[in-house]
Amino acid sequence: MTKIYLSGLVQIIELPKIKDPRGNISIVEKNTIPFDFKRVYYLYDVPSGATRGGHAHREQLEFLIALAGSFDVVLNDGNELLKIHLNRPNFGLFIRQGVWRELENFSSGSVCLVLASEVFDESDYIRDFETFKSFKN
């Protein structure tokens, strides 16, 4: 398993891949990503030109995988701006807490799978960018 550190707050993790002429399999298990996940959800049928995300988390960790198609993840930790293009189902993006994220540029038929460290809790979300900047300072 390959881990590529992009900054102190995000990293690309290559998932185990079993190659098979009938179709490949990638696996996410307890030891594959650096946290235990309590919630799984996915984004699909995102209209052309639409964006998702537009928030940060106070505590929650997330792992994003492009199961189908592709999309860009724009990340901001308050100091650094980073854009990651996800387009392979055996690579995922680990995002730590305190990182603003926006998902954009969805290809037709794309599916974004998200594994989250916590169950949904609205109080963990920072949905206003000015509030996020204050949180980071």
Protein backbone atom coordinates (compact mmCIF):
# COMPACT_ATOMS: atom_id res chain seq x y z
CA MET A 1 0.00 0.00 0.00
CA THR A 2 1.42 3.34 -1.07
CA LYS A 3 0.91 6.54 0.93
CA ILE A 4 1.69 9.85 -0.70
CA TYR A 5 1.78 12.76 1.73
CA LEU A 6 0.63 15.95 0.05
CA SER A 7 0.73 18.09 3.16
CA GLY A 8 0.36 17.55 6.89
CA LEU A 9 -3.41 17.46 6.51
CA VAL A 10 -4.12 15.27 3.49
CA GLN A 11 -2.63 12.22 1.82
CA ILE A 12 -3.34 9.93 -1.11
CA ILE A 13 -3.53 6.28 -0.08
CA GLU A 14 -3.35 3.47 -2.61
CA LEU A 15 -5.82 0.72 -1.75
CA PRO A 16 -5.00 -2.96 -2.12
CA LYS A 17 -5.98 -4.16 -5.59
CA ILE A 18 -6.64 -7.74 -6.62
CA LYS A 19 -6.25 -8.01 -10.39
CA ASP A 20 -8.58 -10.47 -12.05
CA PRO A 21 -9.48 -10.82 -15.73
CA ARG A 22 -13.15 -10.94 -14.65
CA GLY A 23 -12.82 -7.55 -12.94
CA ASN A 24 -10.54 -6.04 -10.31
CA ILE A 25 -11.32 -5.74 -6.61
CA SER A 26 -10.08 -3.06 -4.21
CA ILE A 27 -10.48 -3.42 -0.48
CA VAL A 28 -10.98 -1.00 2.43
CA GLU A 29 -10.48 -2.69 5.78
CA LYS A 30 -9.79 -1.48 9.30
CA ASN A 31 -6.04 -1.26 8.69
CA THR A 32 -6.31 0.25 5.18
CA ILE A 33 -7.10 3.80 6.25
CA PRO A 34 -5.84 5.62 9.38
CA PHE A 35 -9.18 5.73 11.25
CA ASP A 36 -12.19 3.60 12.07
CA PHE A 37 -15.17 4.69 10.00
CA LYS A 38 -18.68 5.00 11.41
CA ARG A 39 -20.49 6.32 8.35
CA VAL A 40 -20.36 5.65 4.63
CA TYR A 41 -22.12 7.77 2.01
CA TYR A 42 -21.73 8.52 -1.67
CA LEU A 43 -22.37 11.35 -4.10
CA TYR A 44 -23.73 10.61 -7.56
CA ASP A 45 -25.80 12.21 -10.33
CA VAL A 46 -24.04 15.52 -9.62
CA PRO A 47 -25.21 17.96 -12.33
CA SER A 48 -22.67 19.45 -14.70
CA GLY A 49 -21.03 22.52 -13.16
CA ALA A 50 -22.30 21.78 -9.63
CA THR A 51 -20.04 21.77 -6.58
CA ARG A 52 -20.36 19.77 -3.36
CA GLY A 53 -18.71 20.15 0.01
CA GLY A 54 -18.08 23.78 0.87
CA HIS A 55 -17.34 23.03 4.51
CA ALA A 56 -14.77 21.83 7.03
CA HIS A 57 -15.06 19.55 10.04
CA ARG A 58 -13.99 20.32 13.58
CA GLU A 59 -13.27 16.66 14.44
CA GLN A 60 -14.39 14.32 11.66
CA LEU A 61 -11.87 12.59 9.39
CA GLU A 62 -12.82 11.56 5.86
CA PHE A 63 -11.56 9.30 3.09
CA LEU A 64 -12.80 10.01 -0.45
CA ILE A 65 -12.68 7.58 -3.38
CA ALA A 66 -13.71 8.16 -6.99
CA LEU A 67 -15.53 4.88 -7.53
CA ALA A 68 -16.50 5.91 -11.06
CA GLY A 69 -15.54 8.85 -13.23
CA SER A 70 -13.57 11.72 -11.81
CA PHE A 71 -13.77 14.96 -9.83
CA ASP A 72 -11.49 17.55 -8.24
CA VAL A 73 -11.15 18.16 -4.52
CA VAL A 74 -10.06 21.71 -3.63
CA LEU A 75 -8.54 21.83 -0.13
CA ASN A 76 -7.66 24.79 2.07
CA ASP A 77 -6.07 24.48 5.51
CA GLY A 78 -6.06 28.23 6.12
CA ASN A 79 -2.53 28.62 4.71
CA GLU A 80 -2.23 26.35 1.71
CA LEU A 81 -4.58 25.76 -1.24
CA LEU A 82 -4.34 22.38 -2.96
CA LYS A 83 -6.34 20.79 -5.79
CA ILE A 84 -6.41 16.99 -6.11
CA HIS A 85 -7.89 15.18 -9.12
CA LEU A 86 -9.39 11.81 -8.15
CA ASN A 87 -10.08 9.38 -10.99
CA ARG A 88 -8.94 5.91 -9.92
CA PRO A 89 -11.01 3.61 -7.68
CA ASN A 90 -7.95 2.11 -6.01
CA PHE A 91 -6.68 5.45 -4.67
CA GLY A 92 -8.35 7.54 -2.00
CA LEU A 93 -7.83 10.93 -0.40
CA PHE A 94 -7.52 11.05 3.39
CA ILE A 95 -8.59 14.45 4.76
CA ARG A 96 -7.90 15.35 8.38
CA GLN A 97 -10.10 17.65 10.47
CA GLY A 98 -9.83 21.41 10.06
CA VAL A 99 -9.55 21.35 6.25
CA TRP A 100 -12.01 23.24 4.05
CA ARG A 101 -13.04 21.12 1.07
CA GLU A 102 -14.97 21.69 -2.12
CA LEU A 103 -15.66 19.04 -4.75
CA GLU A 104 -16.02 20.22 -8.33
CA ASN A 105 -15.56 19.29 -11.98
CA PHE A 106 -17.54 16.03 -11.73
CA SER A 107 -17.42 13.94 -14.89
CA SER A 108 -20.61 12.40 -16.20
CA GLY A 109 -21.48 9.25 -14.25
CA SER A 110 -19.01 9.94 -11.45
CA VAL A 111 -19.49 8.47 -7.99
CA CYS A 112 -17.67 9.76 -4.90
CA LEU A 113 -17.59 7.36 -1.96
CA VAL A 114 -16.91 8.93 1.46
CA LEU A 115 -15.90 7.03 4.59
CA ALA A 116 -16.31 9.22 7.68
CA SER A 117 -14.92 8.73 11.19
CA GLU A 118 -18.14 9.91 12.85
CA VAL A 119 -21.90 9.67 12.44
CA PHE A 120 -23.55 12.85 11.18
CA ASP A 121 -23.37 15.71 13.68
CA GLU A 122 -24.27 19.17 12.36
CA SER A 123 -22.29 20.86 15.16
CA ASP A 124 -19.07 19.35 13.71
CA TYR A 125 -19.56 21.21 10.40
CA ILE A 126 -18.13 24.65 9.65
CA ARG A 127 -20.19 25.82 6.67
CA ASP A 128 -19.11 29.46 6.46
CA PHE A 129 -15.61 30.23 5.13
CA GLU A 130 -15.15 33.32 7.34
CA THR A 131 -16.01 31.20 10.39
CA PHE A 132 -13.52 28.61 9.14
CA LYS A 133 -10.75 31.23 8.94
CA SER A 134 -11.52 32.32 12.52
CA PHE A 135 -11.50 28.66 13.62
CA LYS A 136 -8.04 28.19 12.08
CA ASN A 137 -6.67 31.26 13.88
